[in-house]
Amino acid sequence: MSTARPSSYPSAYPSSDASRFHVSLPHRAVFAVPDGAGVGIECRSGSVWVTLDRDPRDIVLAPGERFESTDHRRVLVSALEASCITVSDAQAAAIPLTRRTPARSPWRLLSHGLSPA
């Protein structure tokens, strides 16, 4: 039984710099970065379409072009043709959590034998 992946999947390999790695993307393959804050995407060959969650922009990168994200959003990189990209500073970025006092629902009173009405 062969364990080789089909050629339609991206393949990643490390760069000489520990904060970067290269990704080969076959035509129509998609590479996702769950949190794009502080992540750079550079197109090395081919062309890629970069989209961010809840962002109306369409960003198309040709060889030598770079996009850097500053927002805590998922980044999707779609290969418009067979392409190679470099992803830099792609360590897991922490999403800041704001400390909020939870809203008090009147229905929480039921556990104490009280009614909201």
PDB file of N, CA and C in Angstrom:
ATOM      1  N   MET A   1       0.843  -1.181   0.000  1.00  0.00           N
ATOM      2  CA  MET A   1       0.000   0.000   0.000  1.00  0.00           C
ATOM      3  C   MET A   1       0.884   1.237   0.000  1.00  0.00           C
ATOM      4  N   SER A   2       0.655   2.138  -0.915  1.00  0.00           N
ATOM      5  CA  SER A   2       1.471   3.341  -1.041  1.00  0.00           C
ATOM      6  C   SER A   2       0.949   4.430  -0.117  1.00  0.00           C
ATOM      7  N   THR A   3       1.872   5.162   0.501  1.00  0.00           N
ATOM      8  CA  THR A   3       1.491   6.264   1.386  1.00  0.00           C
ATOM      9  C   THR A   3       1.776   7.614   0.750  1.00  0.00           C
ATOM     10  N   ALA A   4       2.130   7.625  -0.520  1.00  0.00           N
ATOM     11  CA  ALA A   4       2.432   8.887  -1.205  1.00  0.00           C
ATOM     12  C   ALA A   4       1.148   9.693  -1.381  1.00  0.00           C
ATOM     13  N   ARG A   5       1.268  10.985  -1.165  1.00  0.00           N
ATOM     14  CA  ARG A   5       0.120  11.864  -1.334  1.00  0.00           C
ATOM     15  C   ARG A   5      -0.063  12.191  -2.813  1.00  0.00           C
ATOM     16  N   PRO A   6      -1.307  12.418  -3.221  1.00  0.00           N
ATOM     17  CA  PRO A   6      -1.532  12.843  -4.604  1.00  0.00           C
ATOM     18  C   PRO A   6      -0.823  14.164  -4.861  1.00  0.00           C
ATOM     19  N   SER A   7      -0.523  14.447  -6.099  1.00  0.00           N
ATOM     20  CA  SER A   7       0.229  15.647  -6.447  1.00  0.00           C
ATOM     21  C   SER A   7      -0.594  16.923  -6.307  1.00  0.00           C
ATOM     22  N   SER A   8      -1.867  16.820  -5.946  1.00  0.00           N
ATOM     23  CA  SER A   8      -2.693  18.015  -5.805  1.00  0.00           C
ATOM     24  C   SER A   8      -2.550  18.657  -4.429  1.00  0.00           C
ATOM     25  N   TYR A   9      -1.726  18.088  -3.556  1.00  0.00           N
ATOM     26  CA  TYR A   9      -1.528  18.640  -2.221  1.00  0.00           C
ATOM     27  C   TYR A   9      -0.278  19.512  -2.173  1.00  0.00           C
ATOM     28  N   PRO A  10      -0.312  20.576  -1.352  1.00  0.00           N
ATOM     29  CA  PRO A  10       0.902  21.382  -1.168  1.00  0.00           C
ATOM     30  C   PRO A  10       1.972  20.564  -0.441  1.00  0.00           C
ATOM     31  N   SER A  11       3.223  20.884  -0.693  1.00  0.00           N
ATOM     32  CA  SER A  11       4.313  20.267   0.055  1.00  0.00           C
ATOM     33  C   SER A  11       5.213  21.372   0.584  1.00  0.00           C
ATOM     34  N   ALA A  12       5.591  21.269   1.848  1.00  0.00           N
ATOM     35  CA  ALA A  12       6.406  22.292   2.501  1.00  0.00           C
ATOM     36  C   ALA A  12       7.788  21.728   2.809  1.00  0.00           C
ATOM     37  N   TYR A  13       8.779  22.591   2.730  1.00  0.00           N
ATOM     38  CA  TYR A  13      10.132  22.207   3.101  1.00  0.00           C
ATOM     39  C   TYR A  13      10.814  23.415   3.729  1.00  0.00           C
ATOM     40  N   PRO A  14      11.705  23.174   4.692  1.00  0.00           N
ATOM     41  CA  PRO A  14      12.328  24.275   5.437  1.00  0.00           C
ATOM     42  C   PRO A  14      13.294  25.091   4.596  1.00  0.00           C
ATOM     43  N   SER A  15      13.465  26.317   5.026  1.00  0.00           N
ATOM     44  CA  SER A  15      14.433  27.226   4.423  1.00  0.00           C
ATOM     45  C   SER A  15      15.698  27.190   5.273  1.00  0.00           C
ATOM     46  N   SER A  16      16.757  27.809   4.796  1.00  0.00           N
ATOM     47  CA  SER A  16      17.976  27.900   5.601  1.00  0.00           C
ATOM     48  C   SER A  16      17.769  28.805   6.809  1.00  0.00           C
ATOM     49  N   ASP A  17      16.779  29.690   6.730  1.00  0.00           N
ATOM     50  CA  ASP A  17      16.402  30.568   7.834  1.00  0.00           C
ATOM     51  C   ASP A  17      15.270  29.891   8.604  1.00  0.00           C
ATOM     52  N   ALA A  18      15.419  29.737   9.912  1.00  0.00           N
ATOM     53  CA  ALA A  18      14.441  29.005  10.723  1.00  0.00           C
ATOM     54  C   ALA A  18      13.072  29.669  10.747  1.00  0.00           C
ATOM     55  N   SER A  19      12.983  30.963  10.454  1.00  0.00           N
ATOM     56  CA  SER A  19      11.692  31.641  10.520  1.00  0.00           C
ATOM     57  C   SER A  19      10.952  31.621   9.178  1.00  0.00           C
ATOM     58  N   ARG A  20      11.474  30.860   8.196  1.00  0.00           N
ATOM     59  CA  ARG A  20      10.847  30.792   6.868  1.00  0.00           C
ATOM     60  C   ARG A  20      10.774  29.355   6.404  1.00  0.00           C
ATOM     61  N   PHE A  21       9.780  29.071   5.580  1.00  0.00           N
ATOM     62  CA  PHE A  21       9.744  27.783   4.896  1.00  0.00           C
ATOM     63  C   PHE A  21       9.105  27.982   3.527  1.00  0.00           C
ATOM     64  N   HIS A  22       9.389  27.064   2.635  1.00  0.00           N
ATOM     65  CA  HIS A  22       8.896  27.134   1.264  1.00  0.00           C
ATOM     66  C   HIS A  22       7.755  26.130   1.089  1.00  0.00           C
ATOM     67  N   VAL A  23       6.795  26.508   0.271  1.00  0.00           N
ATOM     68  CA  VAL A  23       5.656  25.635   0.002  1.00  0.00           C
ATOM     69  C   VAL A  23       5.481  25.546  -1.505  1.00  0.00           C
ATOM     70  N   SER A  24       5.460  24.319  -2.018  1.00  0.00           N
ATOM     71  CA  SER A  24       5.158  24.079  -3.432  1.00  0.00           C
ATOM     72  C   SER A  24       3.668  23.814  -3.544  1.00  0.00           C
ATOM     73  N   LEU A  25       3.017  24.562  -4.416  1.00  0.00           N
ATOM     74  CA  LEU A  25       1.570  24.441  -4.593  1.00  0.00           C
ATOM     75  C   LEU A  25       1.261  24.018  -6.024  1.00  0.00           C
ATOM     76  N   PRO A  26       0.689  22.844  -6.208  1.00  0.00           N
ATOM     77  CA  PRO A  26       0.222  22.477  -7.539  1.00  0.00           C
ATOM     78  C   PRO A  26      -0.937  23.385  -7.950  1.00  0.00           C
ATOM     79  N   HIS A  27      -1.255  23.417  -9.235  1.00  0.00           N
ATOM     80  CA  HIS A  27      -2.361  24.224  -9.748  1.00  0.00           C
ATOM     81  C   HIS A  27      -3.638  23.932  -8.953  1.00  0.00           C
ATOM     82  N   ARG A  28      -4.310  24.985  -8.487  1.00  0.00           N
ATOM     83  CA  ARG A  28      -5.565  24.949  -7.741  1.00  0.00           C
ATOM     84  C   ARG A  28      -5.426  24.455  -6.294  1.00  0.00           C
ATOM     85  N   ALA A  29      -4.226  24.212  -5.824  1.00  0.00           N
ATOM     86  CA  ALA A  29      -4.051  23.802  -4.431  1.00  0.00           C
ATOM     87  C   ALA A  29      -4.229  25.023  -3.528  1.00  0.00           C
ATOM     88  N   VAL A  30      -4.613  24.780  -2.289  1.00  0.00           N
ATOM     89  CA  VAL A  30      -4.828  25.860  -1.322  1.00  0.00           C
ATOM     90  C   VAL A  30      -3.985  25.585  -0.089  1.00  0.00           C
ATOM     91  N   PHE A  31      -3.304  26.629   0.386  1.00  0.00           N
ATOM     92  CA  PHE A  31      -2.509  26.565   1.606  1.00  0.00           C
ATOM     93  C   PHE A  31      -3.115  27.538   2.600  1.00  0.00           C
ATOM     94  N   ALA A  32      -3.345  27.100   3.831  1.00  0.00           N
ATOM     95  CA  ALA A  32      -3.997  27.946   4.836  1.00  0.00           C
ATOM     96  C   ALA A  32      -3.048  28.266   5.979  1.00  0.00           C
ATOM     97  N   VAL A  33      -3.098  29.518   6.424  1.00  0.00           N
ATOM     98  CA  VAL A  33      -2.399  29.958   7.637  1.00  0.00           C
ATOM     99  C   VAL A  33      -3.513  30.353   8.610  1.00  0.00           C
ATOM    100  N   PRO A  34      -3.701  29.604   9.707  1.00  0.00           N
ATOM    101  CA  PRO A  34      -4.827  29.871  10.602  1.00  0.00           C
ATOM    102  C   PRO A  34      -4.847  31.275  11.194  1.00  0.00           C
ATOM    103  N   ASP A  35      -3.687  31.821  11.527  1.00  0.00           N
ATOM    104  CA  ASP A  35      -3.607  33.182  12.078  1.00  0.00           C
ATOM    105  C   ASP A  35      -2.502  33.904  11.332  1.00  0.00           C
ATOM    106  N   GLY A  36      -2.883  34.850  10.483  1.00  0.00           N
ATOM    107  CA  GLY A  36      -1.924  35.520   9.614  1.00  0.00           C
ATOM    108  C   GLY A  36      -1.197  36.705  10.224  1.00  0.00           C
ATOM    109  N   ALA A  37      -1.432  37.029  11.494  1.00  0.00           N
ATOM    110  CA  ALA A  37      -0.768  38.196  12.098  1.00  0.00           C
ATOM    111  C   ALA A  37       0.743  38.015  12.069  1.00  0.00           C
ATOM    112  N   GLY A  38       1.433  38.941  11.412  1.00  0.00           N
ATOM    113  CA  GLY A  38       2.889  38.902  11.352  1.00  0.00           C
ATOM    114  C   GLY A  38       3.462  37.920  10.350  1.00  0.00           C
ATOM    115  N   VAL A  39       2.631  37.386   9.470  1.00  0.00           N
ATOM    116  CA  VAL A  39       3.082  36.398   8.490  1.00  0.00           C
ATOM    117  C   VAL A  39       3.267  37.065   7.138  1.00  0.00           C
ATOM    118  N   GLY A  40       4.367  36.742   6.478  1.00  0.00           N
ATOM    119  CA  GLY A  40       4.629  37.234   5.131  1.00  0.00           C
ATOM    120  C   GLY A  40       4.518  36.105   4.126  1.00  0.00           C
ATOM    121  N   ILE A  41       3.914  36.384   2.995  1.00  0.00           N
ATOM    122  CA  ILE A  41       3.794  35.415   1.898  1.00  0.00           C
ATOM    123  C   ILE A  41       4.498  36.022   0.698  1.00  0.00           C
ATOM    124  N   GLU A  42       5.497  35.322   0.175  1.00  0.00           N
ATOM    125  CA  GLU A  42       6.216  35.790  -1.005  1.00  0.00           C
ATOM    126  C   GLU A  42       6.069  34.754  -2.110  1.00  0.00           C
ATOM    127  N   CYS A  43       5.682  35.218  -3.277  1.00  0.00           N
ATOM    128  CA  CYS A  43       5.554  34.333  -4.431  1.00  0.00           C
ATOM    129  C   CYS A  43       6.936  34.190  -5.067  1.00  0.00           C
ATOM    130  N   ARG A  44       7.419  32.961  -5.164  1.00  0.00           N
ATOM    131  CA  ARG A  44       8.729  32.706  -5.772  1.00  0.00           C
ATOM    132  C   ARG A  44       8.601  32.311  -7.234  1.00  0.00           C
ATOM    133  N   SER A  45       7.518  31.589  -7.563  1.00  0.00           N
ATOM    134  CA  SER A  45       7.265  31.217  -8.959  1.00  0.00           C
ATOM    135  C   SER A  45       5.771  30.975  -9.123  1.00  0.00           C
ATOM    136  N   GLY A  46       5.295  31.078 -10.366  1.00  0.00           N
ATOM    137  CA  GLY A  46       3.876  30.913 -10.628  1.00  0.00           C
ATOM    138  C   GLY A  46       3.101  32.161 -10.245  1.00  0.00           C
ATOM    139  N   SER A  47       1.861  31.991  -9.828  1.00  0.00           N
ATOM    140  CA  SER A  47       1.056  33.103  -9.324  1.00  0.00           C
ATOM    141  C   SER A  47       0.051  32.548  -8.329  1.00  0.00           C
ATOM    142  N   VAL A  48      -0.201  33.331  -7.283  1.00  0.00           N
ATOM    143  CA  VAL A  48      -1.105  32.892  -6.223  1.00  0.00           C
ATOM    144  C   VAL A  48      -2.111  33.990  -5.901  1.00  0.00           C
ATOM    145  N   TRP A  49      -3.244  33.558  -5.408  1.00  0.00           N
ATOM    146  CA  TRP A  49      -4.314  34.450  -4.986  1.00  0.00           C
ATOM    147  C   TRP A  49      -4.398  34.348  -3.475  1.00  0.00           C
ATOM    148  N   VAL A  50      -4.248  35.470  -2.780  1.00  0.00           N
ATOM    149  CA  VAL A  50      -4.252  35.506  -1.323  1.00  0.00           C
ATOM    150  C   VAL A  50      -5.560  36.142  -0.866  1.00  0.00           C
ATOM    151  N   THR A  51      -6.266  35.459   0.030  1.00  0.00           N
ATOM    152  CA  THR A  51      -7.489  36.015   0.603  1.00  0.00           C
ATOM    153  C   THR A  51      -7.425  35.905   2.118  1.00  0.00           C
ATOM    154  N   LEU A  52      -8.051  36.854   2.788  1.00  0.00           N
ATOM    155  CA  LEU A  52      -8.135  36.859   4.243  1.00  0.00           C
ATOM    156  C   LEU A  52      -9.604  36.786   4.637  1.00  0.00           C
ATOM    157  N   ASP A  53      -9.895  36.102   5.724  1.00  0.00           N
ATOM    158  CA  ASP A  53     -11.270  36.042   6.208  1.00  0.00           C
ATOM    159  C   ASP A  53     -11.797  37.447   6.456  1.00  0.00           C
ATOM    160  N   ARG A  54     -13.017  37.682   6.025  1.00  0.00           N
ATOM    161  CA  ARG A  54     -13.728  38.949   6.214  1.00  0.00           C
ATOM    162  C   ARG A  54     -12.963  40.148   5.652  1.00  0.00           C
ATOM    163  N   ASP A  55     -12.250  39.957   4.566  1.00  0.00           N
ATOM    164  CA  ASP A  55     -11.525  41.048   3.900  1.00  0.00           C
ATOM    165  C   ASP A  55     -11.946  41.029   2.435  1.00  0.00           C
ATOM    166  N   PRO A  56     -12.489  42.130   1.930  1.00  0.00           N
ATOM    167  CA  PRO A  56     -13.004  42.126   0.555  1.00  0.00           C
ATOM    168  C   PRO A  56     -11.925  42.182  -0.523  1.00  0.00           C
ATOM    169  N   ARG A  57     -10.680  42.407  -0.152  1.00  0.00           N
ATOM    170  CA  ARG A  57      -9.624  42.544  -1.164  1.00  0.00           C
ATOM    171  C   ARG A  57      -9.294  41.212  -1.832  1.00  0.00           C
ATOM    172  N   ASP A  58      -8.884  41.292  -3.072  1.00  0.00           N
ATOM    173  CA  ASP A  58      -8.294  40.170  -3.793  1.00  0.00           C
ATOM    174  C   ASP A  58      -6.844  40.531  -4.029  1.00  0.00           C
ATOM    175  N   ILE A  59      -5.936  39.704  -3.542  1.00  0.00           N
ATOM    176  CA  ILE A  59      -4.513  39.987  -3.658  1.00  0.00           C
ATOM    177  C   ILE A  59      -3.901  38.891  -4.524  1.00  0.00           C
ATOM    178  N   VAL A  60      -3.387  39.276  -5.673  1.00  0.00           N
ATOM    179  CA  VAL A  60      -2.741  38.323  -6.573  1.00  0.00           C
ATOM    180  C   VAL A  60      -1.261  38.650  -6.585  1.00  0.00           C
ATOM    181  N   LEU A  61      -0.448  37.625  -6.305  1.00  0.00           N
ATOM    182  CA  LEU A  61       1.004  37.808  -6.275  1.00  0.00           C
ATOM    183  C   LEU A  61       1.654  37.101  -7.453  1.00  0.00           C
ATOM    184  N   ALA A  62       2.560  37.804  -8.103  1.00  0.00           N
ATOM    185  CA  ALA A  62       3.393  37.251  -9.170  1.00  0.00           C
ATOM    186  C   ALA A  62       4.783  37.013  -8.576  1.00  0.00           C
ATOM    187  N   PRO A  63       5.673  36.329  -9.291  1.00  0.00           N
ATOM    188  CA  PRO A  63       7.009  36.082  -8.756  1.00  0.00           C
ATOM    189  C   PRO A  63       7.701  37.375  -8.301  1.00  0.00           C
ATOM    190  N   GLY A  64       8.257  37.321  -7.092  1.00  0.00           N
ATOM    191  CA  GLY A  64       8.960  38.470  -6.525  1.00  0.00           C
ATOM    192  C   GLY A  64       8.074  39.387  -5.706  1.00  0.00           C
ATOM    193  N   GLU A  65       6.760  39.207  -5.749  1.00  0.00           N
ATOM    194  CA  GLU A  65       5.853  40.059  -4.986  1.00  0.00           C
ATOM    195  C   GLU A  65       5.579  39.416  -3.625  1.00  0.00           C
ATOM    196  N   ARG A  66       5.285  40.291  -2.648  1.00  0.00           N
ATOM    197  CA  ARG A  66       5.131  39.845  -1.265  1.00  0.00           C
ATOM    198  C   ARG A  66       3.913  40.502  -0.634  1.00  0.00           C
ATOM    199  N   PHE A  67       3.254  39.759   0.249  1.00  0.00           N
ATOM    200  CA  PHE A  67       2.140  40.278   1.033  1.00  0.00           C
ATOM    201  C   PHE A  67       2.414  39.981   2.495  1.00  0.00           C
ATOM    202  N   GLU A  68       2.190  40.982   3.343  1.00  0.00           N
ATOM    203  CA  GLU A  68       2.346  40.792   4.787  1.00  0.00           C
ATOM    204  C   GLU A  68       1.030  41.116   5.468  1.00  0.00           C
ATOM    205  N   SER A  69       0.624  40.235   6.351  1.00  0.00           N
ATOM    206  CA  SER A  69      -0.620  40.433   7.079  1.00  0.00           C
ATOM    207  C   SER A  69      -0.316  40.931   8.492  1.00  0.00           C
ATOM    208  N   THR A  70      -1.156  41.821   8.978  1.00  0.00           N
ATOM    209  CA  THR A  70      -1.013  42.314  10.351  1.00  0.00           C
ATOM    210  C   THR A  70      -2.221  41.940  11.195  1.00  0.00           C
ATOM    211  N   ASP A  71      -3.244  41.398  10.557  1.00  0.00           N
ATOM    212  CA  ASP A  71      -4.488  41.086  11.254  1.00  0.00           C
ATOM    213  C   ASP A  71      -4.527  39.630  11.703  1.00  0.00           C
ATOM    214  N   HIS A  72      -5.234  39.398  12.780  1.00  0.00           N
ATOM    215  CA  HIS A  72      -5.471  38.035  13.257  1.00  0.00           C
ATOM    216  C   HIS A  72      -6.640  37.460  12.458  1.00  0.00           C
ATOM    217  N   ARG A  73      -6.333  37.031  11.253  1.00  0.00           N
ATOM    218  CA  ARG A  73      -7.319  36.443  10.350  1.00  0.00           C
ATOM    219  C   ARG A  73      -6.700  35.240   9.665  1.00  0.00           C
ATOM    220  N   ARG A  74      -7.551  34.328   9.243  1.00  0.00           N
ATOM    221  CA  ARG A  74      -7.051  33.193   8.465  1.00  0.00           C
ATOM    222  C   ARG A  74      -6.658  33.690   7.086  1.00  0.00           C
ATOM    223  N   VAL A  75      -5.533  33.211   6.597  1.00  0.00           N
ATOM    224  CA  VAL A  75      -5.036  33.560   5.268  1.00  0.00           C
ATOM    225  C   VAL A  75      -5.085  32.301   4.405  1.00  0.00           C
ATOM    226  N   LEU A  76      -5.703  32.414   3.239  1.00  0.00           N
ATOM    227  CA  LEU A  76      -5.726  31.318   2.281  1.00  0.00           C
ATOM    228  C   LEU A  76      -4.924  31.720   1.058  1.00  0.00           C
ATOM    229  N   VAL A  77      -4.032  30.850   0.630  1.00  0.00           N
ATOM    230  CA  VAL A  77      -3.213  31.088  -0.561  1.00  0.00           C
ATOM    231  C   VAL A  77      -3.601  30.030  -1.578  1.00  0.00           C
ATOM    232  N   SER A  78      -4.179  30.458  -2.697  1.00  0.00           N
ATOM    233  CA  SER A  78      -4.634  29.550  -3.751  1.00  0.00           C
ATOM    234  C   SER A  78      -3.710  29.682  -4.951  1.00  0.00           C
ATOM    235  N   ALA A  79      -3.264  28.559  -5.473  1.00  0.00           N
ATOM    236  CA  ALA A  79      -2.375  28.565  -6.631  1.00  0.00           C
ATOM    237  C   ALA A  79      -3.192  28.723  -7.910  1.00  0.00           C
ATOM    238  N   LEU A  80      -2.937  29.800  -8.642  1.00  0.00           N
ATOM    239  CA  LEU A  80      -3.592  30.008  -9.928  1.00  0.00           C
ATOM    240  C   LEU A  80      -2.932  29.176 -11.015  1.00  0.00           C
ATOM    241  N   GLU A  81      -1.716  28.746 -10.740  1.00  0.00           N
ATOM    242  CA  GLU A  81      -0.945  27.816 -11.570  1.00  0.00           C
ATOM    243  C   GLU A  81       0.047  27.155 -10.630  1.00  0.00           C
ATOM    244  N   ALA A  82       0.783  26.175 -11.078  1.00  0.00           N
ATOM    245  CA  ALA A  82       1.785  25.557 -10.213  1.00  0.00           C
ATOM    246  C   ALA A  82       2.719  26.653  -9.704  1.00  0.00           C
ATOM    247  N   SER A  83       2.867  26.744  -8.378  1.00  0.00           N
ATOM    248  CA  SER A  83       3.583  27.875  -7.784  1.00  0.00           C
ATOM    249  C   SER A  83       4.430  27.426  -6.605  1.00  0.00           C
ATOM    250  N   CYS A  84       5.327  28.300  -6.207  1.00  0.00           N
ATOM    251  CA  CYS A  84       6.119  28.104  -4.997  1.00  0.00           C
ATOM    252  C   CYS A  84       6.074  29.411  -4.216  1.00  0.00           C
ATOM    253  N   ILE A  85       5.791  29.321  -2.917  1.00  0.00           N
ATOM    254  CA  ILE A  85       5.764  30.503  -2.068  1.00  0.00           C
ATOM    255  C   ILE A  85       6.724  30.316  -0.904  1.00  0.00           C
ATOM    256  N   THR A  86       7.121  31.418  -0.317  1.00  0.00           N
ATOM    257  CA  THR A  86       7.891  31.397   0.923  1.00  0.00           C
ATOM    258  C   THR A  86       7.015  32.031   1.995  1.00  0.00           C
ATOM    259  N   VAL A  87       6.865  31.326   3.096  1.00  0.00           N
ATOM    260  CA  VAL A  87       6.088  31.817   4.236  1.00  0.00           C
ATOM    261  C   VAL A  87       7.084  32.177   5.318  1.00  0.00           C
ATOM    262  N   SER A  88       7.039  33.429   5.785  1.00  0.00           N
ATOM    263  CA  SER A  88       8.013  33.858   6.795  1.00  0.00           C
ATOM    264  C   SER A  88       7.321  34.262   8.084  1.00  0.00           C
ATOM    265  N   ASP A  89       8.059  34.078   9.167  1.00  0.00           N
ATOM    266  CA  ASP A  89       7.579  34.404  10.509  1.00  0.00           C
ATOM    267  C   ASP A  89       6.220  33.788  10.768  1.00  0.00           C
ATOM    268  N   ALA A  90       6.085  32.536  10.416  1.00  0.00           N
ATOM    269  CA  ALA A  90       4.788  31.875  10.527  1.00  0.00           C
ATOM    270  C   ALA A  90       4.651  31.088  11.818  1.00  0.00           C
ATOM    271  N   GLN A  91       5.262  31.574  12.890  1.00  0.00           N
ATOM    272  CA  GLN A  91       5.043  30.918  14.165  1.00  0.00           C
ATOM    273  C   GLN A  91       3.597  31.160  14.564  1.00  0.00           C
ATOM    274  N   ALA A  92       3.095  30.301  15.387  1.00  0.00           N
ATOM    275  CA  ALA A  92       1.708  30.469  15.835  1.00  0.00           C
ATOM    276  C   ALA A  92       1.580  31.794  16.570  1.00  0.00           C
ATOM    277  N   ALA A  93       0.719  32.644  16.075  1.00  0.00           N
ATOM    278  CA  ALA A  93       0.511  33.946  16.702  1.00  0.00           C
ATOM    279  C   ALA A  93      -0.620  33.818  17.704  1.00  0.00           C
ATOM    280  N   ALA A  94      -0.431  34.401  18.858  1.00  0.00           N
ATOM    281  CA  ALA A  94      -1.454  34.333  19.898  1.00  0.00           C
ATOM    282  C   ALA A  94      -2.502  35.397  19.636  1.00  0.00           C
ATOM    283  N   ILE A  95      -3.733  35.002  19.665  1.00  0.00           N
ATOM    284  CA  ILE A  95      -4.817  35.955  19.517  1.00  0.00           C
ATOM    285  C   ILE A  95      -5.082  36.542  20.898  1.00  0.00           C
ATOM    286  N   PRO A  96      -4.991  37.861  21.034  1.00  0.00           N
ATOM    287  CA  PRO A  96      -5.206  38.438  22.359  1.00  0.00           C
ATOM    288  C   PRO A  96      -6.655  38.238  22.809  1.00  0.00           C
ATOM    289  N   LEU A  97      -6.797  37.763  23.992  1.00  0.00           N
ATOM    290  CA  LEU A  97      -8.126  37.571  24.544  1.00  0.00           C
ATOM    291  C   LEU A  97      -8.433  38.724  25.468  1.00  0.00           C
ATOM    292  N   THR A  98      -9.567  39.331  25.258  1.00  0.00           N
ATOM    293  CA  THR A  98      -9.960  40.423  26.135  1.00  0.00           C
ATOM    294  C   THR A  98     -10.715  39.833  27.309  1.00  0.00           C
ATOM    295  N   ARG A  99     -10.438  40.342  28.456  1.00  0.00           N
ATOM    296  CA  ARG A  99     -11.113  39.849  29.648  1.00  0.00           C
ATOM    297  C   ARG A  99     -12.394  40.647  29.810  1.00  0.00           C
ATOM    298  N   ARG A 100     -13.496  39.960  29.616  1.00  0.00           N
ATOM    299  CA  ARG A 100     -14.789  40.612  29.727  1.00  0.00           C
ATOM    300  C   ARG A 100     -15.590  39.927  30.825  1.00  0.00           C
ATOM    301  N   THR A 101     -16.399  40.700  31.458  1.00  0.00           N
ATOM    302  CA  THR A 101     -17.325  40.127  32.425  1.00  0.00           C
ATOM    303  C   THR A 101     -18.474  39.534  31.630  1.00  0.00           C
ATOM    304  N   PRO A 102     -18.746  38.258  31.813  1.00  0.00           N
ATOM    305  CA  PRO A 102     -19.826  37.657  31.034  1.00  0.00           C
ATOM    306  C   PRO A 102     -21.155  38.326  31.349  1.00  0.00           C
ATOM    307  N   ALA A 103     -21.949  38.468  30.302  1.00  0.00           N
ATOM    308  CA  ALA A 103     -23.283  39.045  30.485  1.00  0.00           C
ATOM    309  C   ALA A 103     -24.101  38.102  31.359  1.00  0.00           C
ATOM    310  N   ARG A 104     -24.813  38.651  32.267  1.00  0.00           N
ATOM    311  CA  ARG A 104     -25.630  37.842  33.167  1.00  0.00           C
ATOM    312  C   ARG A 104     -26.984  37.597  32.517  1.00  0.00           C
ATOM    313  N   SER A 105     -27.219  36.409  32.148  1.00  0.00           N
ATOM    314  CA  SER A 105     -28.504  36.056  31.565  1.00  0.00           C
ATOM    315  C   SER A 105     -29.528  35.871  32.679  1.00  0.00           C
ATOM    316  N   PRO A 106     -30.731  36.388  32.496  1.00  0.00           N
ATOM    317  CA  PRO A 106     -31.741  36.171  33.535  1.00  0.00           C
ATOM    318  C   PRO A 106     -32.086  34.694  33.688  1.00  0.00           C
ATOM    319  N   TRP A 107     -31.805  33.891  32.655  1.00  0.00           N
ATOM    320  CA  TRP A 107     -32.128  32.469  32.735  1.00  0.00           C
ATOM    321  C   TRP A 107     -31.171  31.726  33.646  1.00  0.00           C
ATOM    322  N   ARG A 108     -30.065  32.338  34.041  1.00  0.00           N
ATOM    323  CA  ARG A 108     -29.159  31.696  34.989  1.00  0.00           C
ATOM    324  C   ARG A 108     -29.769  31.624  36.382  1.00  0.00           C
ATOM    325  N   LEU A 109     -30.804  32.402  36.610  1.00  0.00           N
ATOM    326  CA  LEU A 109     -31.455  32.393  37.907  1.00  0.00           C
ATOM    327  C   LEU A 109     -32.192  31.081  38.151  1.00  0.00           C
ATOM    328  N   LEU A 110     -32.546  30.371  37.061  1.00  0.00           N
ATOM    329  CA  LEU A 110     -33.294  29.132  37.204  1.00  0.00           C
ATOM    330  C   LEU A 110     -32.542  28.103  38.039  1.00  0.00           C
ATOM    331  N   SER A 111     -31.216  28.077  37.905  1.00  0.00           N
ATOM    332  CA  SER A 111     -30.440  27.110  38.681  1.00  0.00           C
ATOM    333  C   SER A 111     -30.478  27.411  40.170  1.00  0.00           C
ATOM    334  N   HIS A 112     -30.888  28.604  40.527  1.00  0.00           N
ATOM    335  CA  HIS A 112     -30.985  28.986  41.930  1.00  0.00           C
ATOM    336  C   HIS A 112     -32.426  28.954  42.423  1.00  0.00           C
ATOM    337  N   GLY A 113     -33.320  28.406  41.609  1.00  0.00           N
ATOM    338  CA  GLY A 113     -34.728  28.301  41.996  1.00  0.00           C
ATOM    339  C   GLY A 113     -35.492  29.596  41.822  1.00  0.00           C
ATOM    340  N   LEU A 114     -34.946  30.537  41.063  1.00  0.00           N
ATOM    341  CA  LEU A 114     -35.612  31.830  40.847  1.00  0.00           C
ATOM    342  C   LEU A 114     -36.070  31.931  39.402  1.00  0.00           C
ATOM    343  N   SER A 115     -37.005  32.813  39.148  1.00  0.00           N
ATOM    344  CA  SER A 115     -37.540  33.032  37.812  1.00  0.00           C
ATOM    345  C   SER A 115     -37.147  34.416  37.325  1.00  0.00           C
ATOM    346  N   PRO A 116     -36.862  34.590  35.998  1.00  0.00           N
ATOM    347  CA  PRO A 116     -36.507  35.924  35.500  1.00  0.00           C
ATOM    348  C   PRO A 116     -37.685  36.865  35.482  1.00  0.00           C
ATOM    349  N   ALA A 117     -38.903  36.403  35.576  1.00  0.00           N
ATOM    350  CA  ALA A 117     -40.061  37.286  35.504  1.00  0.00           C
ATOM    351  C   ALA A 117     -40.498  37.741  36.879  1.00  0.00           C
TER     352      ALA A 117
END
